[in-house]
Amino acid sequence: MEITVTTEAIERLMVMSKEHEKLIRINGELVGGCGMTVEYALWWDERGPYDREVKADSLTFLLDKETIEYIGAEKLTVDYRPQQGFRLVTPHQILAYGLQLKERWG
């Protein structure tokens, strides 16, 4: 998994990371009933025993096996737009937008 972070996202994440010593988790969770969909989230977290750690610029992202499978691409771009929040984009589709980076249990 290769993660690219846009300049806009780096600027926003660097401001936010000064307050945290944790890593950034990209999490995908299967939700819904008959019409299953994947819901993505970003949160500050600590590395778990089965996490994959991916470094991009000066940032470190954590992903579990299921999230990598849900992404379904070898390349992922993390972008930030003031009106949309963070976006997760593969070469084939926009996976999520309007994401906010939060505390995991907050």
N, C-alpha and C. Protein backbone atom coordinates (compact mmCIF):
# COMPACT_ATOMS: atom_id res chain seq x y z
N MET A 1 0.86 -1.18 0.00
CA MET A 1 0.00 0.00 0.00
C MET A 1 0.90 1.24 0.00
N GLU A 2 0.65 2.09 -0.96
CA GLU A 2 1.38 3.36 -1.05
C GLU A 2 0.39 4.49 -0.76
N ILE A 3 0.75 5.36 0.17
CA ILE A 3 -0.10 6.49 0.52
C ILE A 3 0.60 7.78 0.13
N THR A 4 -0.12 8.62 -0.60
CA THR A 4 0.35 9.95 -0.96
C THR A 4 -0.52 10.94 -0.21
N VAL A 5 0.11 11.99 0.32
CA VAL A 5 -0.63 13.01 1.04
C VAL A 5 -0.44 14.32 0.30
N THR A 6 -1.55 14.97 -0.07
CA THR A 6 -1.46 16.23 -0.80
C THR A 6 -0.90 17.32 0.11
N THR A 7 -0.40 18.38 -0.51
CA THR A 7 0.14 19.50 0.24
C THR A 7 -0.88 20.07 1.22
N GLU A 8 -2.12 20.19 0.78
CA GLU A 8 -3.18 20.73 1.63
C GLU A 8 -3.41 19.83 2.85
N ALA A 9 -3.40 18.53 2.64
CA ALA A 9 -3.61 17.59 3.75
C ALA A 9 -2.41 17.60 4.69
N ILE A 10 -1.21 17.67 4.15
CA ILE A 10 -0.01 17.72 5.00
C ILE A 10 -0.07 18.94 5.90
N GLU A 11 -0.40 20.09 5.33
CA GLU A 11 -0.46 21.32 6.13
C GLU A 11 -1.46 21.18 7.26
N ARG A 12 -2.64 20.65 6.96
CA ARG A 12 -3.67 20.50 7.99
C ARG A 12 -3.26 19.47 9.03
N LEU A 13 -2.71 18.34 8.61
CA LEU A 13 -2.31 17.29 9.54
C LEU A 13 -1.14 17.71 10.41
N MET A 14 -0.23 18.47 9.87
CA MET A 14 0.93 18.92 10.66
C MET A 14 0.48 19.85 11.79
N VAL A 15 -0.48 20.71 11.50
CA VAL A 15 -1.02 21.59 12.55
C VAL A 15 -1.67 20.74 13.64
N MET A 16 -2.44 19.74 13.23
CA MET A 16 -3.16 18.89 14.19
C MET A 16 -2.22 17.96 14.94
N SER A 17 -1.15 17.50 14.30
CA SER A 17 -0.27 16.51 14.92
C SER A 17 0.60 17.12 16.00
N LYS A 18 0.72 18.43 16.05
CA LYS A 18 1.50 19.06 17.12
C LYS A 18 0.88 18.81 18.48
N GLU A 19 -0.41 18.54 18.50
CA GLU A 19 -1.13 18.29 19.75
C GLU A 19 -1.17 16.80 20.09
N HIS A 20 -0.70 15.93 19.20
CA HIS A 20 -0.80 14.48 19.40
C HIS A 20 0.54 13.81 19.15
N GLU A 21 0.77 12.74 19.86
CA GLU A 21 1.95 11.92 19.60
C GLU A 21 1.55 10.59 18.98
N LYS A 22 0.27 10.43 18.72
CA LYS A 22 -0.23 9.17 18.19
C LYS A 22 -0.14 9.16 16.66
N LEU A 23 -0.41 8.00 16.10
CA LEU A 23 -0.39 7.80 14.66
C LEU A 23 -1.80 7.98 14.12
N ILE A 24 -1.91 8.10 12.80
CA ILE A 24 -3.21 8.33 12.17
C ILE A 24 -3.73 7.01 11.60
N ARG A 25 -4.89 6.58 12.10
CA ARG A 25 -5.50 5.36 11.59
C ARG A 25 -6.49 5.69 10.48
N ILE A 26 -6.37 4.95 9.39
CA ILE A 26 -7.39 4.96 8.34
C ILE A 26 -8.18 3.69 8.56
N ASN A 27 -9.47 3.83 8.87
CA ASN A 27 -10.28 2.68 9.21
C ASN A 27 -11.47 2.55 8.26
N GLY A 28 -11.65 1.36 7.76
CA GLY A 28 -12.81 1.04 6.94
C GLY A 28 -13.65 0.00 7.66
N GLU A 29 -14.95 0.26 7.75
CA GLU A 29 -15.84 -0.66 8.45
C GLU A 29 -17.04 -0.95 7.58
N LEU A 30 -17.36 -2.21 7.44
CA LEU A 30 -18.52 -2.64 6.67
C LEU A 30 -19.78 -2.37 7.49
N VAL A 31 -20.69 -1.58 6.93
CA VAL A 31 -21.92 -1.21 7.65
C VAL A 31 -23.14 -1.43 6.76
N GLY A 32 -24.29 -1.48 7.38
CA GLY A 32 -25.53 -1.59 6.62
C GLY A 32 -26.13 -2.97 6.73
N GLY A 33 -27.32 -3.09 6.19
CA GLY A 33 -28.02 -4.37 6.20
C GLY A 33 -27.91 -5.02 4.84
N CYS A 34 -28.99 -4.96 4.08
CA CYS A 34 -29.02 -5.58 2.76
C CYS A 34 -28.08 -4.86 1.78
N GLY A 35 -27.98 -3.54 1.91
CA GLY A 35 -27.11 -2.77 1.03
C GLY A 35 -25.82 -2.42 1.73
N MET A 36 -24.93 -3.37 1.83
CA MET A 36 -23.68 -3.17 2.56
C MET A 36 -22.82 -2.09 1.89
N THR A 37 -22.17 -1.30 2.72
CA THR A 37 -21.26 -0.27 2.24
C THR A 37 -20.10 -0.16 3.22
N VAL A 38 -19.03 0.47 2.80
CA VAL A 38 -17.87 0.68 3.68
C VAL A 38 -17.88 2.13 4.14
N GLU A 39 -17.79 2.30 5.43
CA GLU A 39 -17.71 3.63 6.02
C GLU A 39 -16.27 3.84 6.50
N TYR A 40 -15.67 4.95 6.07
CA TYR A 40 -14.28 5.23 6.42
C TYR A 40 -14.20 6.29 7.50
N ALA A 41 -13.14 6.22 8.30
CA ALA A 41 -12.91 7.19 9.36
C ALA A 41 -11.41 7.40 9.53
N LEU A 42 -11.05 8.54 10.07
CA LEU A 42 -9.67 8.86 10.43
C LEU A 42 -9.64 9.17 11.91
N TRP A 43 -8.71 8.55 12.64
CA TRP A 43 -8.58 8.91 14.05
C TRP A 43 -7.15 8.71 14.53
N TRP A 44 -6.83 9.40 15.63
CA TRP A 44 -5.53 9.24 16.29
C TRP A 44 -5.55 7.91 17.01
N ASP A 45 -4.48 7.14 16.88
CA ASP A 45 -4.47 5.81 17.48
C ASP A 45 -3.05 5.36 17.75
N GLU A 46 -2.95 4.23 18.43
CA GLU A 46 -1.67 3.58 18.67
C GLU A 46 -1.62 2.30 17.84
N ARG A 47 -0.41 1.89 17.52
CA ARG A 47 -0.23 0.71 16.67
C ARG A 47 -0.70 -0.54 17.39
N GLY A 48 -1.47 -1.36 16.67
CA GLY A 48 -1.91 -2.65 17.18
C GLY A 48 -1.00 -3.75 16.63
N PRO A 49 -1.10 -4.96 17.16
CA PRO A 49 -0.19 -6.03 16.75
C PRO A 49 -0.32 -6.47 15.29
N TYR A 50 -1.48 -6.23 14.68
CA TYR A 50 -1.68 -6.69 13.30
C TYR A 50 -1.79 -5.54 12.30
N ASP A 51 -1.46 -4.34 12.73
CA ASP A 51 -1.57 -3.18 11.85
C ASP A 51 -0.43 -3.12 10.85
N ARG A 52 -0.76 -2.57 9.72
CA ARG A 52 0.28 -2.23 8.73
C ARG A 52 0.57 -0.75 8.90
N GLU A 53 1.83 -0.42 9.01
CA GLU A 53 2.26 0.96 9.19
C GLU A 53 2.79 1.47 7.85
N VAL A 54 2.26 2.60 7.39
CA VAL A 54 2.67 3.18 6.12
C VAL A 54 3.11 4.61 6.37
N LYS A 55 4.34 4.92 5.98
CA LYS A 55 4.87 6.27 6.15
C LYS A 55 4.68 7.06 4.85
N ALA A 56 4.22 8.29 5.03
CA ALA A 56 4.05 9.20 3.90
C ALA A 56 4.52 10.58 4.37
N ASP A 57 5.56 11.07 3.74
CA ASP A 57 6.19 12.31 4.18
C ASP A 57 6.61 12.12 5.63
N SER A 58 6.25 13.01 6.51
CA SER A 58 6.64 12.88 7.92
C SER A 58 5.51 12.30 8.76
N LEU A 59 4.50 11.74 8.12
CA LEU A 59 3.33 11.20 8.81
C LEU A 59 3.34 9.67 8.75
N THR A 60 2.75 9.05 9.76
CA THR A 60 2.63 7.60 9.78
C THR A 60 1.16 7.23 9.90
N PHE A 61 0.71 6.37 8.99
CA PHE A 61 -0.67 5.91 8.96
C PHE A 61 -0.72 4.44 9.35
N LEU A 62 -1.80 4.06 10.01
CA LEU A 62 -2.06 2.68 10.39
C LEU A 62 -3.27 2.17 9.64
N LEU A 63 -3.18 0.94 9.14
CA LEU A 63 -4.32 0.30 8.47
C LEU A 63 -4.36 -1.15 8.90
N ASP A 64 -5.55 -1.68 9.12
CA ASP A 64 -5.67 -3.10 9.38
C ASP A 64 -5.92 -3.83 8.05
N LYS A 65 -5.85 -5.14 8.11
CA LYS A 65 -5.97 -5.96 6.90
C LYS A 65 -7.30 -5.74 6.19
N GLU A 66 -8.38 -5.65 6.95
CA GLU A 66 -9.70 -5.48 6.35
C GLU A 66 -9.81 -4.14 5.62
N THR A 67 -9.28 -3.09 6.22
CA THR A 67 -9.34 -1.78 5.58
C THR A 67 -8.57 -1.79 4.26
N ILE A 68 -7.42 -2.42 4.24
CA ILE A 68 -6.64 -2.52 2.99
C ILE A 68 -7.46 -3.25 1.93
N GLU A 69 -8.14 -4.31 2.32
CA GLU A 69 -8.98 -5.04 1.37
C GLU A 69 -10.14 -4.18 0.87
N TYR A 70 -10.77 -3.41 1.76
CA TYR A 70 -11.88 -2.55 1.36
C TYR A 70 -11.42 -1.46 0.39
N ILE A 71 -10.22 -0.93 0.62
CA ILE A 71 -9.69 0.11 -0.28
C ILE A 71 -9.54 -0.45 -1.69
N GLY A 72 -9.05 -1.66 -1.81
CA GLY A 72 -9.02 -2.36 -3.08
C GLY A 72 -8.07 -1.77 -4.12
N ALA A 73 -7.08 -1.02 -3.70
CA ALA A 73 -6.11 -0.44 -4.63
C ALA A 73 -4.76 -0.36 -3.91
N GLU A 74 -3.71 -0.37 -4.70
CA GLU A 74 -2.37 -0.28 -4.12
C GLU A 74 -1.98 1.15 -3.77
N LYS A 75 -2.70 2.13 -4.35
CA LYS A 75 -2.38 3.53 -4.11
C LYS A 75 -3.58 4.25 -3.51
N LEU A 76 -3.30 5.06 -2.49
CA LEU A 76 -4.34 5.85 -1.83
C LEU A 76 -3.81 7.26 -1.63
N THR A 77 -4.64 8.25 -1.92
CA THR A 77 -4.27 9.64 -1.69
C THR A 77 -5.15 10.19 -0.57
N VAL A 78 -4.50 10.85 0.39
CA VAL A 78 -5.20 11.56 1.44
C VAL A 78 -5.16 13.03 1.06
N ASP A 79 -6.31 13.63 0.90
CA ASP A 79 -6.44 15.02 0.46
C ASP A 79 -7.24 15.79 1.51
N TYR A 80 -7.13 17.12 1.48
CA TYR A 80 -7.92 17.96 2.37
C TYR A 80 -8.44 19.15 1.59
N ARG A 81 -9.72 19.42 1.75
CA ARG A 81 -10.34 20.60 1.15
C ARG A 81 -11.14 21.30 2.24
N PRO A 82 -10.97 22.61 2.39
CA PRO A 82 -11.64 23.31 3.48
C PRO A 82 -13.16 23.08 3.52
N GLN A 83 -13.81 23.01 2.38
CA GLN A 83 -15.26 22.82 2.37
C GLN A 83 -15.68 21.35 2.51
N GLN A 84 -14.74 20.42 2.29
CA GLN A 84 -15.09 19.00 2.29
C GLN A 84 -14.41 18.20 3.39
N GLY A 85 -13.44 18.74 4.06
CA GLY A 85 -12.68 17.97 5.03
C GLY A 85 -11.69 17.06 4.31
N PHE A 86 -11.30 15.99 4.99
CA PHE A 86 -10.35 15.04 4.39
C PHE A 86 -11.08 14.13 3.42
N ARG A 87 -10.34 13.75 2.37
CA ARG A 87 -10.86 12.82 1.35
C ARG A 87 -9.88 11.67 1.19
N LEU A 88 -10.41 10.49 0.93
CA LEU A 88 -9.60 9.32 0.60
C LEU A 88 -9.91 8.97 -0.85
N VAL A 89 -8.86 8.97 -1.68
CA VAL A 89 -9.03 8.82 -3.13
C VAL A 89 -8.08 7.75 -3.65
N THR A 90 -8.62 6.81 -4.43
CA THR A 90 -7.77 5.85 -5.14
C THR A 90 -7.70 6.29 -6.60
N PRO A 91 -6.87 5.65 -7.41
CA PRO A 91 -6.84 6.00 -8.83
C PRO A 91 -8.19 5.78 -9.54
N HIS A 92 -9.09 5.00 -8.92
CA HIS A 92 -10.34 4.64 -9.57
C HIS A 92 -11.58 5.35 -9.02
N GLN A 93 -11.49 5.83 -7.76
CA GLN A 93 -12.69 6.42 -7.16
C GLN A 93 -12.37 7.23 -5.91
N ILE A 94 -13.31 8.08 -5.55
CA ILE A 94 -13.26 8.77 -4.26
C ILE A 94 -13.94 7.83 -3.27
N LEU A 95 -13.19 7.34 -2.29
CA LEU A 95 -13.75 6.41 -1.32
C LEU A 95 -14.59 7.12 -0.27
N ALA A 96 -14.11 8.30 0.16
CA ALA A 96 -14.82 9.02 1.22
C ALA A 96 -14.41 10.49 1.17
N TYR A 97 -15.32 11.35 1.61
CA TYR A 97 -15.00 12.77 1.77
C TYR A 97 -15.79 13.28 2.96
N GLY A 98 -15.45 14.46 3.42
CA GLY A 98 -16.11 14.99 4.61
C GLY A 98 -15.59 14.38 5.90
N LEU A 99 -14.42 13.74 5.83
CA LEU A 99 -13.86 13.10 7.02
C LEU A 99 -13.17 14.12 7.91
N GLN A 100 -13.27 13.91 9.20
CA GLN A 100 -12.56 14.71 10.19
C GLN A 100 -11.65 13.79 10.96
N LEU A 101 -10.48 14.26 11.34
CA LEU A 101 -9.55 13.47 12.14
C LEU A 101 -9.91 13.68 13.60
N LYS A 102 -10.25 12.59 14.30
CA LYS A 102 -10.76 12.68 15.66
C LYS A 102 -9.99 11.78 16.59
N GLU A 103 -10.27 11.93 17.88
CA GLU A 103 -9.82 10.96 18.86
C GLU A 103 -10.64 9.69 18.65
N ARG A 104 -10.03 8.56 18.80
CA ARG A 104 -10.74 7.30 18.54
C ARG A 104 -11.99 7.12 19.38
N TRP A 105 -11.90 7.36 20.64
CA TRP A 105 -13.03 7.12 21.54
C TRP A 105 -13.72 8.41 21.97
N GLY A 106 -13.44 9.51 21.28
CA GLY A 106 -14.01 10.78 21.69
C GLY A 106 -15.24 11.19 20.94
